[in-house]
Amino acid sequence: MSGPATQPPSSRWKGWLRDAIIIFVIILAVRAWQHQDVLTGEPPALAGISLAGQPLALSNFAGNPLLIHFFAPWCPVCVANHGNITHIAEHYPVLMIVVQTEDNELAQWLANHPEDNPAMMMNDPDGRWLAAFGAKTLPTSVFINAEGKISTTELGYISTIGLWLRFLWN
């Protein structure tokens, strides 16, 4: 009696490689679909009042790289990503835009996150600014270069290393 037939190691590697390529292609296809309407080039003229009650506009950051980060306290991926965003905000300007969040929920978020700077935060209760950038998912991170152009937009979680690299290549 012989044991179960086993595949030679080269056949197993070929199967794993095939599976990895299929997964990679699926990820690229989903990413392309998510980014189909995302703006490139000139950003919309974003302006409003910060959560600290001060006027805030993209033009305030002319000549400097900027990260515009759209998030919501009710979004689990946004919450998981928040530490990375606050870390990069210690080194670069980050404009945080809270999307589709009730005032009481936003007040609770600020009370629980003293590291956030209300002067660099705006509320987008209707998701109007998120839509103006062509994004449909949260979190969305829009990188504006020193020339004032959108250099890249990331949808979903972004690591601290990913944030650093985008600012270094911005």
N, C-alpha and C. Protein backbone atom coordinates (compact mmCIF):
# COMPACT_ATOMS: atom_id res chain seq x y z
N MET A 1 0.82 -1.17 0.00
CA MET A 1 0.00 0.00 0.00
C MET A 1 0.87 1.25 0.00
N SER A 2 0.58 2.12 -0.85
CA SER A 2 1.37 3.35 -0.91
C SER A 2 0.54 4.51 -0.38
N GLY A 3 1.23 5.56 0.08
CA GLY A 3 0.57 6.75 0.63
C GLY A 3 -0.04 7.59 -0.48
N PRO A 4 -0.66 8.70 -0.09
CA PRO A 4 -1.27 9.57 -1.09
C PRO A 4 -0.22 10.12 -2.04
N ALA A 5 -0.64 10.30 -3.25
CA ALA A 5 0.28 10.84 -4.26
C ALA A 5 0.62 12.28 -3.90
N THR A 6 1.88 12.60 -3.98
CA THR A 6 2.31 13.97 -3.70
C THR A 6 2.87 14.58 -4.97
N GLN A 7 2.71 15.86 -5.06
CA GLN A 7 3.24 16.57 -6.22
C GLN A 7 4.70 16.88 -5.99
N PRO A 8 5.48 16.87 -7.04
CA PRO A 8 6.87 17.29 -6.87
C PRO A 8 6.92 18.76 -6.47
N PRO A 9 7.97 19.18 -5.76
CA PRO A 9 8.07 20.57 -5.30
C PRO A 9 7.90 21.60 -6.42
N SER A 10 8.41 21.34 -7.60
CA SER A 10 8.30 22.31 -8.69
C SER A 10 6.84 22.51 -9.09
N SER A 11 6.02 21.48 -9.04
CA SER A 11 4.60 21.62 -9.37
C SER A 11 3.87 22.46 -8.33
N ARG A 12 4.22 22.26 -7.05
CA ARG A 12 3.60 23.06 -6.00
C ARG A 12 3.94 24.53 -6.15
N TRP A 13 5.21 24.84 -6.46
CA TRP A 13 5.62 26.23 -6.64
C TRP A 13 4.90 26.86 -7.83
N LYS A 14 4.75 26.09 -8.89
CA LYS A 14 4.03 26.62 -10.06
C LYS A 14 2.58 26.94 -9.71
N GLY A 15 1.95 26.10 -8.91
CA GLY A 15 0.57 26.35 -8.47
C GLY A 15 0.47 27.59 -7.59
N TRP A 16 1.40 27.73 -6.67
CA TRP A 16 1.42 28.91 -5.80
C TRP A 16 1.68 30.18 -6.61
N LEU A 17 2.58 30.10 -7.56
CA LEU A 17 2.88 31.25 -8.40
C LEU A 17 1.65 31.64 -9.23
N ARG A 18 0.99 30.64 -9.80
CA ARG A 18 -0.24 30.91 -10.57
C ARG A 18 -1.27 31.60 -9.69
N ASP A 19 -1.49 31.08 -8.46
CA ASP A 19 -2.46 31.68 -7.54
C ASP A 19 -2.07 33.11 -7.17
N ALA A 20 -0.79 33.34 -6.93
CA ALA A 20 -0.31 34.68 -6.57
C ALA A 20 -0.55 35.65 -7.72
N ILE A 21 -0.31 35.21 -8.95
CA ILE A 21 -0.53 36.07 -10.11
C ILE A 21 -2.01 36.39 -10.26
N ILE A 22 -2.88 35.42 -10.05
CA ILE A 22 -4.33 35.65 -10.15
C ILE A 22 -4.77 36.66 -9.10
N ILE A 23 -4.30 36.50 -7.87
CA ILE A 23 -4.65 37.44 -6.79
C ILE A 23 -4.14 38.84 -7.12
N PHE A 24 -2.92 38.94 -7.62
CA PHE A 24 -2.34 40.23 -7.98
C PHE A 24 -3.15 40.92 -9.08
N VAL A 25 -3.57 40.17 -10.09
CA VAL A 25 -4.37 40.73 -11.18
C VAL A 25 -5.72 41.20 -10.65
N ILE A 26 -6.32 40.45 -9.74
CA ILE A 26 -7.60 40.86 -9.14
C ILE A 26 -7.43 42.15 -8.36
N ILE A 27 -6.37 42.25 -7.58
CA ILE A 27 -6.10 43.47 -6.80
C ILE A 27 -5.92 44.67 -7.74
N LEU A 28 -5.17 44.49 -8.82
CA LEU A 28 -4.97 45.59 -9.77
C LEU A 28 -6.28 45.99 -10.43
N ALA A 29 -7.12 45.03 -10.76
CA ALA A 29 -8.40 45.34 -11.39
C ALA A 29 -9.31 46.11 -10.44
N VAL A 30 -9.38 45.70 -9.18
CA VAL A 30 -10.20 46.39 -8.19
C VAL A 30 -9.67 47.80 -7.98
N ARG A 31 -8.36 47.93 -7.88
CA ARG A 31 -7.75 49.26 -7.69
C ARG A 31 -8.06 50.18 -8.88
N ALA A 32 -7.96 49.66 -10.09
CA ALA A 32 -8.27 50.46 -11.27
C ALA A 32 -9.74 50.89 -11.27
N TRP A 33 -10.62 50.00 -10.88
CA TRP A 33 -12.05 50.33 -10.82
C TRP A 33 -12.30 51.41 -9.77
N GLN A 34 -11.66 51.28 -8.59
CA GLN A 34 -11.84 52.27 -7.52
C GLN A 34 -11.33 53.65 -7.94
N HIS A 35 -10.28 53.71 -8.72
CA HIS A 35 -9.64 54.97 -9.07
C HIS A 35 -10.18 55.58 -10.37
N GLN A 36 -11.19 54.97 -10.99
CA GLN A 36 -11.62 55.42 -12.31
C GLN A 36 -12.10 56.88 -12.34
N ASP A 37 -12.69 57.38 -11.28
CA ASP A 37 -13.21 58.75 -11.27
C ASP A 37 -12.37 59.72 -10.44
N VAL A 38 -11.28 59.24 -9.86
CA VAL A 38 -10.46 60.07 -8.98
C VAL A 38 -9.75 61.15 -9.80
N LEU A 39 -9.80 62.37 -9.28
CA LEU A 39 -9.18 63.51 -9.96
C LEU A 39 -7.66 63.38 -10.02
N THR A 40 -7.11 63.93 -11.08
CA THR A 40 -5.67 64.10 -11.20
C THR A 40 -5.44 65.56 -11.60
N GLY A 41 -4.21 66.00 -11.48
CA GLY A 41 -3.89 67.37 -11.88
C GLY A 41 -4.34 68.41 -10.87
N GLU A 42 -5.10 69.37 -11.34
CA GLU A 42 -5.53 70.50 -10.51
C GLU A 42 -6.62 70.07 -9.52
N PRO A 43 -6.42 70.30 -8.22
CA PRO A 43 -7.47 69.95 -7.25
C PRO A 43 -8.59 71.00 -7.26
N PRO A 44 -9.78 70.63 -6.79
CA PRO A 44 -10.84 71.63 -6.66
C PRO A 44 -10.46 72.68 -5.62
N ALA A 45 -11.03 73.85 -5.72
CA ALA A 45 -10.75 74.95 -4.79
C ALA A 45 -11.47 74.68 -3.48
N LEU A 46 -10.84 73.91 -2.64
CA LEU A 46 -11.40 73.54 -1.35
C LEU A 46 -11.22 74.69 -0.37
N ALA A 47 -12.31 75.14 0.24
CA ALA A 47 -12.25 76.22 1.22
C ALA A 47 -13.43 76.09 2.16
N GLY A 48 -13.23 76.48 3.40
CA GLY A 48 -14.29 76.43 4.39
C GLY A 48 -13.79 76.91 5.73
N ILE A 49 -14.49 76.50 6.76
CA ILE A 49 -14.14 76.89 8.13
C ILE A 49 -13.65 75.64 8.86
N SER A 50 -12.50 75.78 9.52
CA SER A 50 -11.96 74.65 10.27
C SER A 50 -12.82 74.38 11.50
N LEU A 51 -12.60 73.25 12.13
CA LEU A 51 -13.33 72.92 13.36
C LEU A 51 -12.97 73.87 14.49
N ALA A 52 -11.87 74.61 14.34
CA ALA A 52 -11.49 75.62 15.33
C ALA A 52 -12.12 76.98 15.00
N GLY A 53 -12.91 77.03 13.91
CA GLY A 53 -13.60 78.27 13.54
C GLY A 53 -12.80 79.22 12.70
N GLN A 54 -11.69 78.77 12.13
CA GLN A 54 -10.83 79.62 11.32
C GLN A 54 -11.02 79.32 9.84
N PRO A 55 -10.89 80.33 8.96
CA PRO A 55 -10.96 80.07 7.52
C PRO A 55 -9.81 79.16 7.10
N LEU A 56 -10.11 78.24 6.20
CA LEU A 56 -9.10 77.26 5.76
C LEU A 56 -9.33 77.01 4.28
N ALA A 57 -8.25 77.09 3.49
CA ALA A 57 -8.35 76.87 2.04
C ALA A 57 -7.07 76.20 1.55
N LEU A 58 -7.18 75.50 0.44
CA LEU A 58 -6.00 74.87 -0.15
C LEU A 58 -4.95 75.92 -0.50
N SER A 59 -5.38 77.09 -0.87
CA SER A 59 -4.44 78.16 -1.23
C SER A 59 -3.53 78.54 -0.05
N ASN A 60 -3.95 78.23 1.18
CA ASN A 60 -3.11 78.51 2.36
C ASN A 60 -1.81 77.71 2.33
N PHE A 61 -1.77 76.62 1.55
CA PHE A 61 -0.63 75.72 1.56
C PHE A 61 0.22 75.83 0.30
N ALA A 62 0.00 76.87 -0.49
CA ALA A 62 0.72 77.05 -1.75
C ALA A 62 2.23 76.95 -1.52
N GLY A 63 2.88 76.19 -2.37
CA GLY A 63 4.34 76.03 -2.30
C GLY A 63 4.79 74.92 -1.37
N ASN A 64 3.86 74.26 -0.68
CA ASN A 64 4.20 73.19 0.24
C ASN A 64 3.42 71.92 -0.11
N PRO A 65 4.03 70.76 0.10
CA PRO A 65 3.25 69.54 -0.08
C PRO A 65 2.19 69.44 1.01
N LEU A 66 1.09 68.80 0.69
CA LEU A 66 -0.04 68.69 1.61
C LEU A 66 -0.70 67.35 1.42
N LEU A 67 -1.14 66.76 2.52
CA LEU A 67 -1.97 65.58 2.48
C LEU A 67 -3.38 65.99 2.89
N ILE A 68 -4.35 65.70 2.03
CA ILE A 68 -5.76 65.88 2.40
C ILE A 68 -6.28 64.49 2.71
N HIS A 69 -6.69 64.30 3.93
CA HIS A 69 -7.12 62.96 4.37
C HIS A 69 -8.61 62.99 4.72
N PHE A 70 -9.41 62.27 3.94
CA PHE A 70 -10.84 62.15 4.19
C PHE A 70 -11.06 60.90 5.04
N PHE A 71 -11.81 61.04 6.14
CA PHE A 71 -12.07 59.90 7.01
C PHE A 71 -13.38 60.12 7.75
N ALA A 72 -13.81 59.08 8.45
CA ALA A 72 -14.99 59.18 9.31
C ALA A 72 -14.76 58.34 10.56
N PRO A 73 -15.21 58.82 11.73
CA PRO A 73 -15.03 58.07 12.97
C PRO A 73 -15.77 56.74 12.98
N TRP A 74 -16.80 56.59 12.16
CA TRP A 74 -17.58 55.36 12.13
C TRP A 74 -16.98 54.32 11.17
N CYS A 75 -15.91 54.67 10.48
CA CYS A 75 -15.26 53.80 9.49
C CYS A 75 -14.13 53.02 10.17
N PRO A 76 -14.23 51.68 10.28
CA PRO A 76 -13.19 50.91 10.98
C PRO A 76 -11.80 51.03 10.33
N VAL A 77 -11.73 51.08 9.01
CA VAL A 77 -10.43 51.22 8.35
C VAL A 77 -9.83 52.60 8.65
N CYS A 78 -10.69 53.62 8.69
CA CYS A 78 -10.23 54.97 9.03
C CYS A 78 -9.64 55.01 10.44
N VAL A 79 -10.32 54.37 11.36
CA VAL A 79 -9.85 54.33 12.75
C VAL A 79 -8.52 53.60 12.83
N ALA A 80 -8.39 52.48 12.11
CA ALA A 80 -7.14 51.72 12.10
C ALA A 80 -6.01 52.53 11.47
N ASN A 81 -6.32 53.38 10.53
CA ASN A 81 -5.33 54.18 9.81
C ASN A 81 -4.95 55.47 10.54
N HIS A 82 -5.74 55.88 11.52
CA HIS A 82 -5.59 57.19 12.13
C HIS A 82 -4.21 57.44 12.75
N GLY A 83 -3.65 56.45 13.40
CA GLY A 83 -2.32 56.62 14.00
C GLY A 83 -1.25 56.95 12.97
N ASN A 84 -1.35 56.35 11.80
CA ASN A 84 -0.39 56.64 10.72
C ASN A 84 -0.54 58.08 10.25
N ILE A 85 -1.78 58.53 10.15
CA ILE A 85 -2.04 59.90 9.69
C ILE A 85 -1.54 60.91 10.72
N THR A 86 -1.85 60.68 12.00
CA THR A 86 -1.39 61.64 13.02
C THR A 86 0.13 61.65 13.13
N HIS A 87 0.77 60.51 12.87
CA HIS A 87 2.24 60.47 12.89
C HIS A 87 2.81 61.37 11.78
N ILE A 88 2.28 61.23 10.57
CA ILE A 88 2.81 62.03 9.46
C ILE A 88 2.47 63.50 9.66
N ALA A 89 1.36 63.80 10.36
CA ALA A 89 0.96 65.18 10.61
C ALA A 89 1.94 65.90 11.54
N GLU A 90 2.78 65.15 12.23
CA GLU A 90 3.82 65.76 13.07
C GLU A 90 4.95 66.32 12.21
N HIS A 91 5.01 65.90 10.94
CA HIS A 91 6.13 66.26 10.07
C HIS A 91 5.73 67.04 8.82
N TYR A 92 4.50 66.85 8.37
CA TYR A 92 3.99 67.49 7.16
C TYR A 92 2.60 68.04 7.41
N PRO A 93 2.18 69.04 6.63
CA PRO A 93 0.81 69.53 6.80
C PRO A 93 -0.20 68.48 6.33
N VAL A 94 -1.17 68.20 7.19
CA VAL A 94 -2.24 67.25 6.88
C VAL A 94 -3.56 67.94 7.18
N LEU A 95 -4.38 68.05 6.16
CA LEU A 95 -5.73 68.59 6.32
C LEU A 95 -6.67 67.40 6.43
N MET A 96 -7.27 67.21 7.60
CA MET A 96 -8.18 66.10 7.82
C MET A 96 -9.61 66.58 7.59
N ILE A 97 -10.32 65.85 6.76
CA ILE A 97 -11.71 66.20 6.47
C ILE A 97 -12.60 65.06 6.93
N VAL A 98 -13.44 65.36 7.90
CA VAL A 98 -14.35 64.38 8.48
C VAL A 98 -15.60 64.31 7.60
N VAL A 99 -15.93 63.12 7.15
CA VAL A 99 -17.00 62.93 6.17
C VAL A 99 -18.21 62.26 6.80
N GLN A 100 -19.39 62.76 6.46
CA GLN A 100 -20.67 62.16 6.82
C GLN A 100 -20.74 61.73 8.29
N THR A 101 -20.47 62.69 9.15
CA THR A 101 -20.45 62.44 10.59
C THR A 101 -21.29 63.49 11.30
N GLU A 102 -22.15 63.04 12.20
CA GLU A 102 -22.99 63.94 12.99
C GLU A 102 -22.12 64.75 13.95
N ASP A 103 -22.59 65.94 14.31
CA ASP A 103 -21.84 66.84 15.18
C ASP A 103 -21.49 66.20 16.52
N ASN A 104 -22.44 65.47 17.14
CA ASN A 104 -22.15 64.87 18.44
C ASN A 104 -21.09 63.76 18.33
N GLU A 105 -21.12 63.01 17.24
CA GLU A 105 -20.10 61.98 17.02
C GLU A 105 -18.73 62.61 16.77
N LEU A 106 -18.72 63.72 16.05
CA LEU A 106 -17.47 64.43 15.79
C LEU A 106 -16.91 65.02 17.09
N ALA A 107 -17.76 65.58 17.94
CA ALA A 107 -17.31 66.13 19.23
C ALA A 107 -16.72 65.01 20.10
N GLN A 108 -17.33 63.84 20.08
CA GLN A 108 -16.81 62.69 20.85
C GLN A 108 -15.46 62.27 20.30
N TRP A 109 -15.32 62.24 18.97
CA TRP A 109 -14.05 61.87 18.35
C TRP A 109 -12.94 62.83 18.80
N LEU A 110 -13.22 64.13 18.75
CA LEU A 110 -12.21 65.12 19.15
C LEU A 110 -11.85 64.99 20.62
N ALA A 111 -12.84 64.69 21.46
CA ALA A 111 -12.56 64.49 22.89
C ALA A 111 -11.66 63.29 23.12
N ASN A 112 -11.82 62.26 22.30
CA ASN A 112 -11.02 61.03 22.45
C ASN A 112 -9.70 61.07 21.70
N HIS A 113 -9.48 62.10 20.89
CA HIS A 113 -8.26 62.20 20.09
C HIS A 113 -7.63 63.59 20.23
N PRO A 114 -7.04 63.87 21.40
CA PRO A 114 -6.45 65.20 21.62
C PRO A 114 -5.26 65.49 20.70
N GLU A 115 -4.71 64.46 20.06
CA GLU A 115 -3.59 64.67 19.13
C GLU A 115 -4.04 65.34 17.83
N ASP A 116 -5.33 65.31 17.54
CA ASP A 116 -5.85 65.95 16.33
C ASP A 116 -5.89 67.46 16.52
N ASN A 117 -5.57 68.18 15.46
CA ASN A 117 -5.54 69.64 15.50
C ASN A 117 -6.81 70.17 14.83
N PRO A 118 -7.80 70.65 15.60
CA PRO A 118 -9.04 71.14 15.00
C PRO A 118 -8.83 72.26 13.99
N ALA A 119 -7.72 73.01 14.10
CA ALA A 119 -7.43 74.07 13.14
C ALA A 119 -7.09 73.50 11.76
N MET A 120 -6.73 72.21 11.70
CA MET A 120 -6.40 71.54 10.45
C MET A 120 -7.44 70.48 10.10
N MET A 121 -8.66 70.68 10.60
CA MET A 121 -9.75 69.74 10.33
C MET A 121 -10.98 70.51 9.85
N MET A 122 -11.68 69.89 8.92
CA MET A 122 -12.94 70.46 8.43
C MET A 122 -13.99 69.36 8.44
N ASN A 123 -15.24 69.76 8.54
CA ASN A 123 -16.34 68.80 8.51
C ASN A 123 -16.98 68.85 7.12
N ASP A 124 -17.21 67.67 6.56
CA ASP A 124 -17.86 67.52 5.25
C ASP A 124 -19.08 66.62 5.45
N PRO A 125 -20.13 67.14 6.11
CA PRO A 125 -21.24 66.29 6.51
C PRO A 125 -21.97 65.61 5.36
N ASP A 126 -21.94 66.20 4.17
CA ASP A 126 -22.64 65.63 3.02
C ASP A 126 -21.72 64.87 2.07
N GLY A 127 -20.42 64.85 2.35
CA GLY A 127 -19.48 64.18 1.46
C GLY A 127 -19.25 64.94 0.16
N ARG A 128 -19.56 66.23 0.17
CA ARG A 128 -19.44 67.08 -1.03
C ARG A 128 -17.99 67.20 -1.50
N TRP A 129 -17.05 67.43 -0.56
CA TRP A 129 -15.65 67.59 -0.95
C TRP A 129 -15.05 66.26 -1.37
N LEU A 130 -15.42 65.20 -0.69
CA LEU A 130 -14.95 63.87 -1.09
C LEU A 130 -15.35 63.61 -2.53
N ALA A 131 -16.60 63.88 -2.87
CA ALA A 131 -17.10 63.68 -4.23
C ALA A 131 -16.38 64.60 -5.22
N ALA A 132 -16.04 65.82 -4.80
CA ALA A 132 -15.36 66.76 -5.69
C ALA A 132 -13.99 66.23 -6.11
N PHE A 133 -13.38 65.41 -5.27
CA PHE A 133 -12.10 64.79 -5.60
C PHE A 133 -12.28 63.48 -6.37
N GLY A 134 -13.53 63.10 -6.61
CA GLY A 134 -13.82 61.90 -7.39
C GLY A 134 -13.72 60.61 -6.62
N ALA A 135 -13.61 60.68 -5.31
CA ALA A 135 -13.47 59.48 -4.49
C ALA A 135 -14.82 59.04 -3.96
N LYS A 136 -14.95 57.74 -3.74
CA LYS A 136 -16.20 57.18 -3.24
C LYS A 136 -16.01 56.34 -2.00
N THR A 137 -14.79 56.16 -1.57
CA THR A 137 -14.52 55.29 -0.43
C THR A 137 -13.75 56.03 0.65
N LEU A 138 -13.84 55.50 1.84
CA LEU A 138 -13.09 56.02 2.98
C LEU A 138 -12.19 54.92 3.53
N PRO A 139 -11.04 55.31 4.01
CA PRO A 139 -10.41 56.62 3.92
C PRO A 139 -9.87 56.88 2.51
N THR A 140 -9.74 58.15 2.20
CA THR A 140 -9.11 58.59 0.96
C THR A 140 -8.02 59.59 1.33
N SER A 141 -6.83 59.39 0.79
CA SER A 141 -5.70 60.27 1.04
C SER A 141 -5.23 60.88 -0.28
N VAL A 142 -5.32 62.20 -0.38
CA VAL A 142 -4.95 62.92 -1.60
C VAL A 142 -3.66 63.69 -1.32
N PHE A 143 -2.64 63.42 -2.11
CA PHE A 143 -1.35 64.08 -1.94
C PHE A 143 -1.24 65.20 -2.96
N ILE A 144 -1.03 66.42 -2.43
CA ILE A 144 -0.86 67.61 -3.26
C ILE A 144 0.63 67.98 -3.20
N ASN A 145 1.26 68.15 -4.36
CA ASN A 145 2.69 68.48 -4.36
C ASN A 145 2.90 69.99 -4.17
N ALA A 146 4.15 70.40 -4.09
CA ALA A 146 4.48 71.80 -3.84
C ALA A 146 4.02 72.72 -4.97
N GLU A 147 3.78 72.16 -6.15
CA GLU A 147 3.26 72.94 -7.28
C GLU A 147 1.74 73.09 -7.22
N GLY A 148 1.12 72.48 -6.21
CA GLY A 148 -0.33 72.60 -6.05
C GLY A 148 -1.13 71.61 -6.86
N LYS A 149 -0.50 70.57 -7.40
CA LYS A 149 -1.18 69.56 -8.21
C LYS A 149 -1.34 68.26 -7.42
N ILE A 150 -2.37 67.51 -7.75
CA ILE A 150 -2.56 66.19 -7.14
C ILE A 150 -1.49 65.27 -7.69
N SER A 151 -0.65 64.74 -6.81
CA SER A 151 0.40 63.84 -7.27
C SER A 151 -0.06 62.39 -7.22
N THR A 152 -0.87 62.05 -6.23
CA THR A 152 -1.40 60.70 -6.12
C THR A 152 -2.58 60.70 -5.16
N THR A 153 -3.45 59.73 -5.32
CA THR A 153 -4.57 59.53 -4.41
C THR A 153 -4.60 58.07 -4.01
N GLU A 154 -4.70 57.82 -2.73
CA GLU A 154 -4.79 56.45 -2.22
C GLU A 154 -6.14 56.25 -1.56
N LEU A 155 -6.80 55.17 -1.92
CA LEU A 155 -8.08 54.81 -1.33
C LEU A 155 -7.86 53.64 -0.39
N GLY A 156 -8.32 53.79 0.84
CA GLY A 156 -8.17 52.72 1.82
C GLY A 156 -6.98 52.97 2.74
N TYR A 157 -6.62 51.93 3.45
CA TYR A 157 -5.55 51.98 4.44
C TYR A 157 -4.22 52.32 3.77
N ILE A 158 -3.44 53.15 4.44
CA ILE A 158 -2.09 53.46 3.96
C ILE A 158 -1.14 53.44 5.16
N SER A 159 -0.07 52.71 5.04
CA SER A 159 0.88 52.54 6.15
C SER A 159 1.69 53.82 6.36
N THR A 160 2.34 53.90 7.51
CA THR A 160 3.22 55.03 7.79
C THR A 160 4.34 55.09 6.76
N ILE A 161 4.90 53.94 6.43
CA ILE A 161 5.97 53.91 5.42
C ILE A 161 5.43 54.40 4.07
N GLY A 162 4.23 53.97 3.71
CA GLY A 162 3.62 54.43 2.47
C GLY A 162 3.42 55.94 2.46
N LEU A 163 3.00 56.49 3.59
CA LEU A 163 2.84 57.94 3.70
C LEU A 163 4.17 58.65 3.52
N TRP A 164 5.21 58.18 4.22
CA TRP A 164 6.54 58.78 4.12
C TRP A 164 7.03 58.75 2.68
N LEU A 165 6.89 57.60 2.03
CA LEU A 165 7.39 57.46 0.67
C LEU A 165 6.67 58.42 -0.29
N ARG A 166 5.38 58.58 -0.11
CA ARG A 166 4.65 59.48 -0.99
C ARG A 166 5.08 60.93 -0.79
N PHE A 167 5.37 61.31 0.45
CA PHE A 167 5.86 62.68 0.67
C PHE A 167 7.27 62.84 0.12
N LEU A 168 8.11 61.82 0.25
CA LEU A 168 9.47 61.92 -0.27
C LEU A 168 9.50 61.99 -1.79
N TRP A 169 8.56 61.31 -2.46
CA TRP A 169 8.50 61.31 -3.92
C TRP A 169 7.58 62.37 -4.46
N ASN A 170 6.97 63.15 -3.58
CA ASN A 170 5.96 64.12 -3.98
C ASN A 170 6.57 65.29 -4.70
